[in-house]
C-alpha atoms as a PDB file:
ATOM      1  CA  MET A   1     115.812 108.090 124.653  1.00  0.00           C
ATOM      2  CA  GLY A   2     112.979 107.269 122.032  1.00  0.00           C
ATOM      3  CA  LYS A   3     109.569 109.321 122.696  1.00  0.00           C
ATOM      4  CA  ILE A   4     106.690 106.970 123.748  1.00  0.00           C
ATOM      5  CA  ILE A   5     103.184 108.060 121.770  1.00  0.00           C
ATOM      6  CA  SER A   6      99.986 105.963 122.485  1.00  0.00           C
ATOM      7  CA  ILE A   7      96.956 106.927 119.654  1.00  0.00           C
ATOM      8  CA  CYS A   8      93.750 106.881 121.120  1.00  0.00           C
ATOM      9  CA  ASN A   9      90.285 107.783 121.195  1.00  0.00           C
ATOM     10  CA  GLN A  10      87.290 105.883 122.632  1.00  0.00           C
ATOM     11  CA  LYS A  11      85.185 106.168 119.055  1.00  0.00           C
ATOM     12  CA  GLY A  12      85.906 102.987 116.936  1.00  0.00           C
ATOM     13  CA  GLY A  13      86.584 103.881 113.141  1.00  0.00           C
ATOM     14  CA  VAL A  14      88.359 107.019 113.205  1.00  0.00           C
ATOM     15  CA  GLY A  15      91.635 105.640 112.005  1.00  0.00           C
ATOM     16  CA  LYS A  16      93.590 104.954 114.995  1.00  0.00           C
ATOM     17  CA  THR A  17      95.053 101.794 113.604  1.00  0.00           C
ATOM     18  CA  THR A  18      95.946 102.995 110.389  1.00  0.00           C
ATOM     19  CA  THR A  19      97.565 106.079 111.821  1.00  0.00           C
ATOM     20  CA  CYS A  20      99.334 103.669 113.832  1.00  0.00           C
ATOM     21  CA  VAL A  21     100.790 101.477 110.904  1.00  0.00           C
ATOM     22  CA  ASN A  22     101.157 104.136 108.042  1.00  0.00           C
ATOM     23  CA  LEU A  23     102.791 106.784 110.767  1.00  0.00           C
ATOM     24  CA  SER A  24     105.240 104.282 111.373  1.00  0.00           C
ATOM     25  CA  ALA A  25     105.918 103.472 108.212  1.00  0.00           C
ATOM     26  CA  ALA A  26     106.240 106.595 107.410  1.00  0.00           C
ATOM     27  CA  LEU A  27     108.811 107.716 110.266  1.00  0.00           C
ATOM     28  CA  GLY A  28     110.803 104.150 109.456  1.00  0.00           C
ATOM     29  CA  ILE A  29     111.640 105.423 105.866  1.00  0.00           C
ATOM     30  CA  LEU A  30     112.880 108.897 107.300  1.00  0.00           C
ATOM     31  CA  GLU A  31     115.507 106.883 109.112  1.00  0.00           C
ATOM     32  CA  ASN A  32     113.615 106.438 112.611  1.00  0.00           C
ATOM     33  CA  LYS A  33     113.200 103.477 114.644  1.00  0.00           C
ATOM     34  CA  VAL A  34     110.244 102.460 114.999  1.00  0.00           C
ATOM     35  CA  LEU A  35     108.527 100.323 117.179  1.00  0.00           C
ATOM     36  CA  ILE A  36     104.636  99.257 117.312  1.00  0.00           C
ATOM     37  CA  ILE A  37     102.942  97.532 120.341  1.00  0.00           C
ATOM     38  CA  ASP A  38      99.945  96.322 119.115  1.00  0.00           C
ATOM     39  CA  THR A  39      97.280  96.314 122.223  1.00  0.00           C
ATOM     40  CA  ASP A  40      93.637  95.513 120.479  1.00  0.00           C
ATOM     41  CA  PRO A  41      92.215  92.143 120.342  1.00  0.00           C
ATOM     42  CA  GLN A  42      91.320  92.242 117.353  1.00  0.00           C
ATOM     43  CA  ALA A  43      95.551  92.661 116.128  1.00  0.00           C
ATOM     44  CA  ASN A  44      94.640  94.549 113.117  1.00  0.00           C
ATOM     45  CA  ALA A  45      97.807  96.713 113.262  1.00  0.00           C
ATOM     46  CA  CYS A  46      98.947  92.797 112.788  1.00  0.00           C
ATOM     47  CA  MET A  47      97.117  92.193 109.972  1.00  0.00           C
ATOM     48  CA  SER A  48      97.558  95.095 108.210  1.00  0.00           C
ATOM     49  CA  PHE A  49     102.044  94.084 108.064  1.00  0.00           C
ATOM     50  CA  GLY A  50     100.324  90.692 106.435  1.00  0.00           C
ATOM     51  CA  PHE A  51     100.717  89.055 110.622  1.00  0.00           C
ATOM     52  CA  SER A  52      97.860  87.083 112.477  1.00  0.00           C
ATOM     53  CA  SER A  53      97.344  87.435 116.001  1.00  0.00           C
ATOM     54  CA  LYS A  54      99.962  85.752 117.937  1.00  0.00           C
ATOM     55  CA  LYS A  55      98.412  83.097 120.318  1.00  0.00           C
ATOM     56  CA  LEU A  56     100.832  82.390 123.458  1.00  0.00           C
ATOM     57  CA  ASN A  57      99.250  80.098 125.527  1.00  0.00           C
ATOM     58  CA  ASN A  58     101.018  79.503 128.341  1.00  0.00           C
ATOM     59  CA  PRO A  59      99.088  81.004 131.574  1.00  0.00           C
ATOM     60  CA  ALA A  60     103.300  80.939 133.213  1.00  0.00           C
ATOM     61  CA  LEU A  61     104.558  83.816 130.602  1.00  0.00           C
ATOM     62  CA  GLN A  62     102.525  86.030 133.154  1.00  0.00           C
ATOM     63  CA  PHE A  63     105.166  86.044 136.255  1.00  0.00           C
ATOM     64  CA  MET A  64     107.860  86.237 133.371  1.00  0.00           C
ATOM     65  CA  ASP A  65     110.349  89.114 133.171  1.00  0.00           C
ATOM     66  CA  PHE A  66     108.285  91.741 130.734  1.00  0.00           C
ATOM     67  CA  THR A  67     111.307  93.293 128.814  1.00  0.00           C
ATOM     68  CA  SER A  68     112.496  89.826 127.999  1.00  0.00           C
ATOM     69  CA  VAL A  69     108.629  88.306 127.135  1.00  0.00           C
ATOM     70  CA  ILE A  70     108.618  91.658 124.704  1.00  0.00           C
ATOM     71  CA  THR A  71     111.743  91.676 123.226  1.00  0.00           C
ATOM     72  CA  ASN A  72     111.745  87.990 121.930  1.00  0.00           C
ATOM     73  CA  ASN A  73     108.305  88.502 120.476  1.00  0.00           C
ATOM     74  CA  ILE A  74     109.444  91.394 118.634  1.00  0.00           C
ATOM     75  CA  ILE A  75     108.154  90.734 114.839  1.00  0.00           C
ATOM     76  CA  LYS A  76     110.619  92.887 112.059  1.00  0.00           C
ATOM     77  CA  THR A  77     108.509  93.968 109.441  1.00  0.00           C
ATOM     78  CA  ASN A  78     108.797  94.775 105.562  1.00  0.00           C
ATOM     79  CA  CYS A  79     108.769  98.518 106.406  1.00  0.00           C
ATOM     80  CA  PRO A  80     111.946  99.868 107.136  1.00  0.00           C
ATOM     81  CA  ASN A  81     112.869 100.626 110.523  1.00  0.00           C
ATOM     82  CA  VAL A  82     110.036  99.543 111.898  1.00  0.00           C
ATOM     83  CA  ASP A  83     109.284  96.131 114.126  1.00  0.00           C
ATOM     84  CA  LEU A  84     106.097  95.389 115.631  1.00  0.00           C
ATOM     85  CA  VAL A  85     105.101  93.224 118.917  1.00  0.00           C
ATOM     86  CA  PRO A  86     101.905  91.556 118.493  1.00  0.00           C
ATOM     87  CA  PHE A  87      98.427  91.935 120.491  1.00  0.00           C
ATOM     88  CA  PHE A  88      98.995  88.560 122.751  1.00  0.00           C
ATOM     89  CA  GLU A  89      95.976  86.711 123.149  1.00  0.00           C
ATOM     90  CA  ASP A  90      96.500  84.963 126.481  1.00  0.00           C
ATOM     91  CA  LEU A  91      98.845  88.020 128.193  1.00  0.00           C
ATOM     92  CA  ASN A  92      97.976  91.595 129.561  1.00  0.00           C
ATOM     93  CA  PHE A  93     100.365  93.916 129.661  1.00  0.00           C
ATOM     94  CA  PHE A  94      98.775  96.140 131.814  1.00  0.00           C
ATOM     95  CA  LYS A  95      97.324  94.616 134.410  1.00  0.00           C
ATOM     96  CA  SER A  96     100.834  95.847 136.012  1.00  0.00           C
ATOM     97  CA  SER A  97     102.070  99.204 134.933  1.00  0.00           C
ATOM     98  CA  SER A  98     104.752  99.510 136.694  1.00  0.00           C
ATOM     99  CA  LYS A  99     105.943  96.431 135.269  1.00  0.00           C
ATOM    100  CA  PHE A 100     105.255  97.550 131.774  1.00  0.00           C
ATOM    101  CA  LYS A 101     106.604 100.830 132.505  1.00  0.00           C
ATOM    102  CA  LYS A 102     110.220  99.533 133.231  1.00  0.00           C
ATOM    103  CA  ALA A 103     109.695  96.871 129.990  1.00  0.00           C
ATOM    104  CA  LEU A 104     108.989 100.312 127.994  1.00  0.00           C
ATOM    105  CA  ALA A 105     111.789 102.179 129.767  1.00  0.00           C
ATOM    106  CA  ILE A 106     114.659  99.689 128.733  1.00  0.00           C
ATOM    107  CA  ILE A 107     113.301  99.097 125.520  1.00  0.00           C
ATOM    108  CA  ARG A 108     112.844 102.906 124.419  1.00  0.00           C
ATOM    109  CA  LYS A 109     116.515 103.493 124.431  1.00  0.00           C
ATOM    110  CA  SER A 110     116.799 101.333 121.228  1.00  0.00           C
ATOM    111  CA  TYR A 111     113.969 103.243 118.997  1.00  0.00           C
ATOM    112  CA  ASP A 112     113.115 106.967 117.934  1.00  0.00           C
ATOM    113  CA  TYR A 113     109.704 106.272 118.398  1.00  0.00           C
ATOM    114  CA  ILE A 114     107.176 103.981 120.387  1.00  0.00           C
ATOM    115  CA  ILE A 115     103.856 104.009 118.703  1.00  0.00           C
ATOM    116  CA  ILE A 116     101.033 102.201 120.808  1.00  0.00           C
ATOM    117  CA  ASP A 117      97.793 101.217 119.131  1.00  0.00           C
ATOM    118  CA  SER A 118      95.157 101.635 121.342  1.00  0.00           C
ATOM    119  CA  VAL A 119      91.565  99.739 121.906  1.00  0.00           C
ATOM    120  CA  PRO A 120      88.656 101.571 120.646  1.00  0.00           C
ATOM    121  CA  PHE A 121      86.851 102.065 123.470  1.00  0.00           C
ATOM    122  CA  LEU A 122      87.445 103.800 126.675  1.00  0.00           C
ATOM    123  CA  LYS A 123      89.062 101.131 130.033  1.00  0.00           C
ATOM    124  CA  ALA A 124      91.477 100.119 132.495  1.00  0.00           C
ATOM    125  CA  LYS A 125      93.840  98.911 129.760  1.00  0.00           C
ATOM    126  CA  ASN A 126      93.338 102.500 127.903  1.00  0.00           C
ATOM    127  CA  ILE A 127      94.098 104.353 131.134  1.00  0.00           C
ATOM    128  CA  ASP A 128      97.693 102.497 131.544  1.00  0.00           C
ATOM    129  CA  ILE A 129      98.343 103.204 128.234  1.00  0.00           C
ATOM    130  CA  LEU A 130      98.536 106.721 128.746  1.00  0.00           C
ATOM    131  CA  VAL A 131     100.100 106.530 132.056  1.00  0.00           C
ATOM    132  CA  ASN A 132     103.150 105.378 130.787  1.00  0.00           C
ATOM    133  CA  SER A 133     103.158 107.305 127.639  1.00  0.00           C
ATOM    134  CA  ASP A 134     104.690 110.592 126.680  1.00  0.00           C
ATOM    135  CA  ALA A 135     102.019 112.289 124.259  1.00  0.00           C
ATOM    136  CA  VAL A 136      99.007 111.066 122.735  1.00  0.00           C
ATOM    137  CA  ILE A 137      97.807 111.285 119.396  1.00  0.00           C
ATOM    138  CA  ILE A 138      94.207 111.856 118.964  1.00  0.00           C
ATOM    139  CA  PRO A 139      92.568 110.794 115.387  1.00  0.00           C
ATOM    140  CA  VAL A 140      89.268 112.910 115.025  1.00  0.00           C
ATOM    141  CA  GLN A 141      87.233 111.775 111.477  1.00  0.00           C
ATOM    142  CA  CYS A 142      85.730 114.462 110.340  1.00  0.00           C
ATOM    143  CA  ASP A 143      82.267 113.973 110.700  1.00  0.00           C
ATOM    144  CA  TYR A 144      79.476 115.100 113.858  1.00  0.00           C
ATOM    145  CA  TYR A 145      79.737 111.797 115.638  1.00  0.00           C
ATOM    146  CA  ALA A 146      83.596 112.178 115.913  1.00  0.00           C
ATOM    147  CA  LEU A 147      83.267 115.392 117.954  1.00  0.00           C
ATOM    148  CA  GLU A 148      80.261 113.681 120.343  1.00  0.00           C
ATOM    149  CA  GLY A 149      82.920 111.529 121.554  1.00  0.00           C
ATOM    150  CA  LEU A 150      85.684 113.558 121.669  1.00  0.00           C
ATOM    151  CA  HIS A 151      84.792 115.377 124.805  1.00  0.00           C
ATOM    152  CA  LYS A 152      85.158 111.848 126.556  1.00  0.00           C
ATOM    153  CA  ILE A 153      88.383 111.532 125.494  1.00  0.00           C
ATOM    154  CA  LEU A 154      89.674 114.826 126.486  1.00  0.00           C
ATOM    155  CA  LYS A 155      88.127 113.766 130.263  1.00  0.00           C
ATOM    156  CA  ALA A 156      90.283 111.043 130.689  1.00  0.00           C
ATOM    157  CA  ILE A 157      93.769 112.728 129.583  1.00  0.00           C
ATOM    158  CA  ARG A 158      93.094 115.573 132.300  1.00  0.00           C
ATOM    159  CA  PHE A 159      92.230 112.983 134.518  1.00  0.00           C
ATOM    160  CA  VAL A 160      95.193 111.082 133.751  1.00  0.00           C
ATOM    161  CA  GLN A 161      97.471 114.465 133.496  1.00  0.00           C
ATOM    162  CA  LYS A 162      96.488 115.824 137.196  1.00  0.00           C
ATOM    163  CA  LYS A 163      96.182 112.137 139.037  1.00  0.00           C
ATOM    164  CA  LEU A 164      98.406 109.342 137.195  1.00  0.00           C
ATOM    165  CA  ASN A 165     101.163 111.177 134.505  1.00  0.00           C
ATOM    166  CA  PRO A 166     102.003 114.572 134.589  1.00  0.00           C
ATOM    167  CA  ASN A 167     104.452 114.782 131.744  1.00  0.00           C
ATOM    168  CA  LEU A 168     101.240 113.643 129.240  1.00  0.00           C
ATOM    169  CA  SER A 169     100.894 115.775 126.517  1.00  0.00           C
ATOM    170  CA  ILE A 170      99.125 115.977 123.418  1.00  0.00           C
ATOM    171  CA  GLU A 171     101.204 115.879 120.705  1.00  0.00           C
ATOM    172  CA  GLY A 172      98.206 116.309 118.151  1.00  0.00           C
ATOM    173  CA  PHE A 173      94.585 116.050 117.189  1.00  0.00           C
ATOM    174  CA  LEU A 174      94.769 114.536 113.645  1.00  0.00           C
ATOM    175  CA  LEU A 175      92.060 115.121 111.402  1.00  0.00           C
ATOM    176  CA  THR A 176      91.124 112.027 108.820  1.00  0.00           C
ATOM    177  CA  MET A 177      89.171 110.688 106.298  1.00  0.00           C
ATOM    178  CA  TYR A 178      88.373 114.410 105.340  1.00  0.00           C
ATOM    179  CA  ASP A 179      86.608 114.901 101.927  1.00  0.00           C
ATOM    180  CA  LYS A 180      87.477 118.690 100.612  1.00  0.00           C
ATOM    181  CA  ARG A 181      84.014 118.098  98.186  1.00  0.00           C
ATOM    182  CA  VAL A 182      82.039 118.255 101.207  1.00  0.00           C
ATOM    183  CA  ASN A 183      81.171 121.487 103.260  1.00  0.00           C
ATOM    184  CA  PHE A 184      80.898 119.585 106.460  1.00  0.00           C
ATOM    185  CA  SER A 185      84.124 117.994 106.470  1.00  0.00           C
ATOM    186  CA  ARG A 186      85.934 121.527 106.176  1.00  0.00           C
ATOM    187  CA  ASN A 187      83.591 122.843 109.283  1.00  0.00           C
ATOM    188  CA  ILE A 188      84.722 120.014 111.488  1.00  0.00           C
ATOM    189  CA  VAL A 189      87.976 121.536 110.525  1.00  0.00           C
ATOM    190  CA  CYS A 190      87.645 125.156 111.127  1.00  0.00           C
ATOM    191  CA  TYR A 191      85.784 124.070 114.473  1.00  0.00           C
ATOM    192  CA  MET A 192      88.663 122.391 115.792  1.00  0.00           C
ATOM    193  CA  ARG A 193      91.610 124.801 114.770  1.00  0.00           C
ATOM    194  CA  ASN A 194      89.167 127.250 116.025  1.00  0.00           C
ATOM    195  CA  HIS A 195      88.980 125.644 119.699  1.00  0.00           C
ATOM    196  CA  PHE A 196      91.921 123.542 119.781  1.00  0.00           C
ATOM    197  CA  ASN A 197      94.499 125.843 117.426  1.00  0.00           C
ATOM    198  CA  GLN A 198      98.304 124.950 117.953  1.00  0.00           C
ATOM    199  CA  LEU A 199      96.818 121.396 119.479  1.00  0.00           C
ATOM    200  CA  VAL A 200      95.537 120.511 116.069  1.00  0.00           C
ATOM    201  CA  PHE A 201      98.341 118.884 113.122  1.00  0.00           C
ATOM    202  CA  ASN A 202      98.529 121.034 110.138  1.00  0.00           C
ATOM    203  CA  THR A 203      98.530 118.095 108.250  1.00  0.00           C
ATOM    204  CA  ILE A 204      95.072 116.690 107.141  1.00  0.00           C
ATOM    205  CA  ILE A 205      94.396 112.915 106.030  1.00  0.00           C
ATOM    206  CA  HIS A 206      92.446 113.158 102.964  1.00  0.00           C
ATOM    207  CA  ARG A 207      90.002 110.281 102.179  1.00  0.00           C
ATOM    208  CA  ASN A 208      91.834 108.323 100.371  1.00  0.00           C
ATOM    209  CA  SER A 209      90.569 104.491  98.674  1.00  0.00           C
ATOM    210  CA  LYS A 210      94.137 103.314  98.903  1.00  0.00           C
ATOM    211  CA  ILE A 211      94.614 103.706 102.548  1.00  0.00           C
ATOM    212  CA  THR A 212      91.598 101.275 102.828  1.00  0.00           C
ATOM    213  CA  GLN A 213      92.921  98.754 100.119  1.00  0.00           C
ATOM    214  CA  ALA A 214      96.545  98.413 101.893  1.00  0.00           C
ATOM    215  CA  PRO A 215      95.716  96.445 105.074  1.00  0.00           C
ATOM    216  CA  SER A 216      93.683  94.010 102.558  1.00  0.00           C
ATOM    217  CA  PHE A 217      97.579  93.504 101.107  1.00  0.00           C
ATOM    218  CA  GLY A 218      99.002  93.348 104.252  1.00  0.00           C
ATOM    219  CA  LYS A 219     100.921  96.464 103.385  1.00  0.00           C
ATOM    220  CA  SER A 220     101.046 100.061 105.006  1.00  0.00           C
ATOM    221  CA  ILE A 221     100.146 102.616 102.324  1.00  0.00           C
ATOM    222  CA  LEU A 222     103.425 103.609 101.502  1.00  0.00           C
ATOM    223  CA  GLU A 223     104.279  99.643 100.443  1.00  0.00           C
ATOM    224  CA  TYR A 224     100.942  99.654  98.771  1.00  0.00           C
ATOM    225  CA  ASP A 225     101.219 102.970  96.632  1.00  0.00           C
ATOM    226  CA  ILE A 226     104.273 105.339  97.580  1.00  0.00           C
ATOM    227  CA  ASN A 227     102.795 107.840  94.976  1.00  0.00           C
ATOM    228  CA  CYS A 228      99.083 107.624  96.240  1.00  0.00           C
ATOM    229  CA  ASN A 229      97.850 110.816  98.096  1.00  0.00           C
ATOM    230  CA  GLY A 230      97.412 108.171 101.201  1.00  0.00           C
ATOM    231  CA  SER A 231     101.487 107.882 101.181  1.00  0.00           C
ATOM    232  CA  VAL A 232     101.618 111.975 100.846  1.00  0.00           C
ATOM    233  CA  ASP A 233      99.957 112.832 103.647  1.00  0.00           C
ATOM    234  CA  TYR A 234     101.271 110.430 106.194  1.00  0.00           C
ATOM    235  CA  LEU A 235     104.969 111.729 105.184  1.00  0.00           C
ATOM    236  CA  GLN A 236     103.830 114.766 105.519  1.00  0.00           C
ATOM    237  CA  LEU A 237     102.546 114.382 109.071  1.00  0.00           C
ATOM    238  CA  ALA A 238     105.557 112.723 110.379  1.00  0.00           C
ATOM    239  CA  ASN A 239     107.744 115.508 108.858  1.00  0.00           C
ATOM    240  CA  GLU A 240     105.554 117.447 110.934  1.00  0.00           C
ATOM    241  CA  ILE A 241     105.933 115.370 114.424  1.00  0.00           C
ATOM    242  CA  ILE A 242     110.163 114.937 113.459  1.00  0.00           C
ATOM    243  CA  LEU A 243     109.949 118.809 113.346  1.00  0.00           C
ATOM    244  CA  LYS A 244     107.652 119.376 116.095  1.00  0.00           C
ATOM    245  CA  ASN A 245     109.860 117.090 118.422  1.00  0.00           C
ATOM    246  CA  ALA A 246     113.381 118.774 117.429  1.00  0.00           C
ATOM    247  CA  THR A 247     112.248 122.174 117.949  1.00  0.00           C
ATOM    248  CA  ALA A 248     109.709 121.617 120.758  1.00  0.00           C
ATOM    249  CA  THR A 249     109.404 124.140 124.269  1.00  0.00           C
ATOM    250  CA  GLU A 250     105.924 124.435 125.100  1.00  0.00           C
ATOM    251  CA  ASP A 251     104.798 123.500 128.509  1.00  0.00           C
ATOM    252  CA  ILE A 252     101.853 120.577 128.376  1.00  0.00           C
ATOM    253  CA  ILE A 253      98.893 122.374 128.144  1.00  0.00           C
ATOM    254  CA  THR A 254      95.515 121.751 130.021  1.00  0.00           C
ATOM    255  CA  LEU A 255      92.118 121.210 128.435  1.00  0.00           C
ATOM    256  CA  GLU A 256      89.723 122.917 130.793  1.00  0.00           C
ATOM    257  CA  GLU A 257      88.997 125.952 129.519  1.00  0.00           C
ATOM    258  CA  LYS A 258      89.326 124.475 125.482  1.00  0.00           C
ATOM    259  CA  GLU A 259      87.041 121.755 126.406  1.00  0.00           C
ATOM    260  CA  SER A 260      84.422 124.240 127.985  1.00  0.00           C
ATOM    261  CA  SER A 261      84.195 125.885 124.731  1.00  0.00           C
ATOM    262  CA  PHE A 262      84.436 122.673 122.556  1.00  0.00           C
ATOM    263  CA  ASN A 263      81.538 121.486 124.430  1.00  0.00           C
ATOM    264  CA  ASP A 264      79.267 124.579 123.243  1.00  0.00           C
ATOM    265  CA  ARG A 265      79.590 122.611 119.378  1.00  0.00           C
ATOM    266  CA  LYS A 266      78.352 125.681 117.430  1.00  0.00           C
ATOM    267  CA  PHE A 267      79.393 125.490 113.549  1.00  0.00           C
ATOM    268  CA  THR A 268      79.605 128.544 111.278  1.00  0.00           C
ATOM    269  CA  LYS A 269      78.087 128.935 108.695  1.00  0.00           C
ATOM    270  CA  THR A 270      80.910 130.781 106.472  1.00  0.00           C
ATOM    271  CA  VAL A 271      84.022 128.399 106.282  1.00  0.00           C
ATOM    272  CA  ASN A 272      87.478 129.303 104.651  1.00  0.00           C
ATOM    273  CA  SER A 273      88.203 126.902 101.549  1.00  0.00           C
ATOM    274  CA  GLU A 274      91.232 125.163 102.338  1.00  0.00           C
ATOM    275  CA  THR A 275      92.827 125.758 105.757  1.00  0.00           C
ATOM    276  CA  LYS A 276      96.478 124.503 105.222  1.00  0.00           C
ATOM    277  CA  ASN A 277      99.617 126.693 106.784  1.00  0.00           C
ATOM    278  CA  HIS A 278     101.659 126.623 103.419  1.00  0.00           C
ATOM    279  CA  SER A 279     104.600 128.038 105.154  1.00  0.00           C
ATOM    280  CA  LEU A 280     104.806 125.833 107.715  1.00  0.00           C
ATOM    281  CA  TYR A 281     104.360 122.752 105.389  1.00  0.00           C
ATOM    282  CA  GLU A 282     107.394 125.075 103.188  1.00  0.00           C
ATOM    283  CA  ARG A 283     109.621 125.034 106.504  1.00  0.00           C
ATOM    284  CA  ILE A 284     108.882 121.375 107.426  1.00  0.00           C
ATOM    285  CA  LEU A 285     109.807 120.202 103.790  1.00  0.00           C
ATOM    286  CA  GLN A 286     113.314 122.714 104.370  1.00  0.00           C
ATOM    287  CA  LYS A 287     113.896 120.958 107.994  1.00  0.00           C
ATOM    288  CA  SER A 288     113.065 117.532 107.122  1.00  0.00           C
ATOM    289  CA  LYS A 289     115.551 114.608 105.466  1.00  0.00           C
ATOM    290  CA  ILE A 290     113.739 114.178 102.417  1.00  0.00           C
ATOM    291  CA  ASP A 291     114.483 118.300 101.682  1.00  0.00           C
ATOM    292  CA  CYS A 292     116.023 116.880  97.766  1.00  0.00           C
ATOM    293  CA  ARG A 293     114.741 120.266  95.841  1.00  0.00           C
ATOM    294  CA  MET A 294     116.726 121.145  92.730  1.00  0.00           C
ATOM    295  CA  GLU A 295     116.090 123.044  89.607  1.00  0.00           C
ATOM    296  CA  GLN A 296     117.007 121.465  86.572  1.00  0.00           C
ATOM    297  CA  PRO A 297     120.580 122.030  85.841  1.00  0.00           C
ATOM    298  CA  SER A 298     121.561 124.431  83.171  1.00  0.00           C
ATOM    299  CA  PHE A 299     124.260 122.143  81.338  1.00  0.00           C
ATOM    300  CA  LEU A 300     121.352 119.260  81.138  1.00  0.00           C
ATOM    301  CA  LYS A 301     119.334 119.951  77.948  1.00  0.00           C
ATOM    302  CA  ASN A 302     117.231 117.063  79.445  1.00  0.00           C
ATOM    303  CA  PHE A 303     116.920 114.602  81.795  1.00  0.00           C
ATOM    304  CA  ASP A 304     118.038 111.981  78.948  1.00  0.00           C
ATOM    305  CA  ASP A 305     121.200 112.716  79.562  1.00  0.00           C
ATOM    306  CA  LEU A 306     121.257 111.231  83.060  1.00  0.00           C
ATOM    307  CA  LEU A 307     120.311 107.725  81.261  1.00  0.00           C
ATOM    308  CA  ASN A 308     123.365 104.780  81.851  1.00  0.00           C
ATOM    309  CA  LEU A 309     124.900 106.803  84.276  1.00  0.00           C
ATOM    310  CA  THR A 310     126.648 105.564  87.391  1.00  0.00           C
ATOM    311  CA  LYS A 311     125.001 106.673  90.571  1.00  0.00           C
ATOM    312  CA  SER A 312     128.450 108.413  91.943  1.00  0.00           C
ATOM    313  CA  SER A 313     128.294 110.418  88.313  1.00  0.00           C
ATOM    314  CA  VAL A 314     124.194 111.103  89.432  1.00  0.00           C
ATOM    315  CA  LYS A 315     125.035 112.101  92.765  1.00  0.00           C
ATOM    316  CA  ASN A 316     128.433 114.336  91.513  1.00  0.00           C
ATOM    317  CA  ILE A 317     125.717 115.898  88.983  1.00  0.00           C
ATOM    318  CA  MET A 318     122.635 115.996  91.260  1.00  0.00           C
ATOM    319  CA  GLY A 319     123.223 115.611  94.377  1.00  0.00           C
ATOM    320  CA  THR A 320     121.870 113.193  97.465  1.00  0.00           C
ATOM    321  CA  GLY A 321     118.302 112.636  96.758  1.00  0.00           C
ATOM    322  CA  TYR A 322     115.698 111.115  98.841  1.00  0.00           C
ATOM    323  CA  LYS A 323     115.893 107.191  98.485  1.00  0.00           C
ATOM    324  CA  ASN A 324     113.011 105.103  99.321  1.00  0.00           C
ATOM    325  CA  HIS A 325     113.044 101.968  99.661  1.00  0.00           C
ATOM    326  CA  PHE A 326     112.157 100.454  96.364  1.00  0.00           C
ATOM    327  CA  GLY A 327     116.006 101.767  95.700  1.00  0.00           C
ATOM    328  CA  VAL A 328     114.404 104.521  93.322  1.00  0.00           C
ATOM    329  CA  TRP A 329     115.857 108.065  93.837  1.00  0.00           C
ATOM    330  CA  ILE A 330     113.479 110.988  93.929  1.00  0.00           C
ATOM    331  CA  TYR A 331     114.118 114.582  93.870  1.00  0.00           C
ATOM    332  CA  LYS A 332     111.885 117.550  93.459  1.00  0.00           C
ATOM    333  CA  ILE A 333     112.836 119.724  90.793  1.00  0.00           C
ATOM    334  CA  ASN A 334     110.718 122.764  90.684  1.00  0.00           C
ATOM    335  CA  ARG A 335     110.024 125.243  93.534  1.00  0.00           C
ATOM    336  CA  ALA A 336     106.093 125.367  93.459  1.00  0.00           C
ATOM    337  CA  ASN A 337     104.927 125.203  96.959  1.00  0.00           C
ATOM    338  CA  PHE A 338     103.932 121.809  98.565  1.00  0.00           C
ATOM    339  CA  PHE A 339     100.072 120.948  97.271  1.00  0.00           C
ATOM    340  CA  GLN A 340     101.753 121.713  93.376  1.00  0.00           C
ATOM    341  CA  LYS A 341     105.037 120.067  93.018  1.00  0.00           C
ATOM    342  CA  ARG A 342     106.716 117.766  90.520  1.00  0.00           C
ATOM    343  CA  TYR A 343     108.718 114.874  91.300  1.00  0.00           C
ATOM    344  CA  LEU A 344     111.922 113.075  89.254  1.00  0.00           C
ATOM    345  CA  TYR A 345     111.524 110.079  90.126  1.00  0.00           C
ATOM    346  CA  LEU A 346     115.469 107.411  88.789  1.00  0.00           C
ATOM    347  CA  TYR A 347     115.361 103.972  88.354  1.00  0.00           C
ATOM    348  CA  PHE A 348     118.358 102.075  88.279  1.00  0.00           C
ATOM    349  CA  LYS A 349     119.606  98.461  87.055  1.00  0.00           C
ATOM    350  CA  ASN A 350     123.075  97.002  87.705  1.00  0.00           C
ATOM    351  CA  ASP A 351     123.742 100.336  89.610  1.00  0.00           C
ATOM    352  CA  LYS A 352     123.088 102.733  86.500  1.00  0.00           C
ATOM    353  CA  VAL A 353     120.400 104.550  85.591  1.00  0.00           C
ATOM    354  CA  LEU A 354     117.483 102.508  83.417  1.00  0.00           C
ATOM    355  CA  TYR A 355     114.994 104.918  82.821  1.00  0.00           C
ATOM    356  CA  TYR A 356     113.479 108.258  85.154  1.00  0.00           C
ATOM    357  CA  ASN A 357     109.898 109.097  85.725  1.00  0.00           C
ATOM    358  CA  LYS A 358     108.390 112.893  86.829  1.00  0.00           C
ATOM    359  CA  LYS A 359     105.448 113.241  88.012  1.00  0.00           C
ATOM    360  CA  TRP A 360     103.127 116.069  89.676  1.00  0.00           C
ATOM    361  CA  PHE A 361     101.707 115.862  93.372  1.00  0.00           C
ATOM    362  CA  SER A 362      98.897 117.732  94.077  1.00  0.00           C
ATOM    363  CA  HIS A 363      96.136 117.815  96.450  1.00  0.00           C
END
């Protein structure tokens, strides 16, 4: 049974669509079946995958079975395991929440995650999205204006939890557009962690120019450049969500006390230089599907010995590595912490190792 996660914040420009597209791509690469539902009239999620908004001008569609309308208009994207329901210009699914809920109950059986991209302002459509969701991710840009409007979405979530959907939970606050060179960005991170602690994702999405470039090519960041820091961030976020949902036993957390302290909005002057929990990231990697860490085998003088070997021979020597959607095999070849690590990339041609590359990742 798939989990329905809406990505919601009443403020625009905080990274809702970017997170929807790139998180879905990362979950898909980690072998989860994902469906994206684009509810924004700007259809930016569609454009990020290279599609324009789909226009259905037949008014009779509003009286059709919602399940049939959705399933007949699902688009397969270039990202592995990721499907897309485009924004329908002339069809508002959310005029009748009960119909949409019944449709989702059927469709969710075919997916591990359904990610809903919401509109960048609070209105009835977003309330209906929250009513039909199991959880909500709230992107928070690392600047002051993002914090100023955050209490509005928290108030809406509390209303939905109390009146309409008591099973709605907060999947997490996602800190986006973080720039470690800016002191105020670090202030925002510490402030959010102090007030919402375990509700804030350990993963932080750093500012990265390639994240903003990827949509202009109709690609997710993982298709555009899987080696960049933006791809690492979203793969890390996907790992954290997978691990959280595999081990989650916590009750739904109410927000009254947290919101009252948050509304004070007072910042401290002293900030830790880094706010990430390294041990948690190591546990995520140990339990995730891309944990392919290894040391160089002692009988290999260097990795040149792998050249021209077949895939089966490589598997016997190195084990099964993580295979990205370009057919490249990836191994972690040292035991450094997550933020300073080296990977071995094996490139194949005609089922044999053509060449290899060693790359360092660091934040």
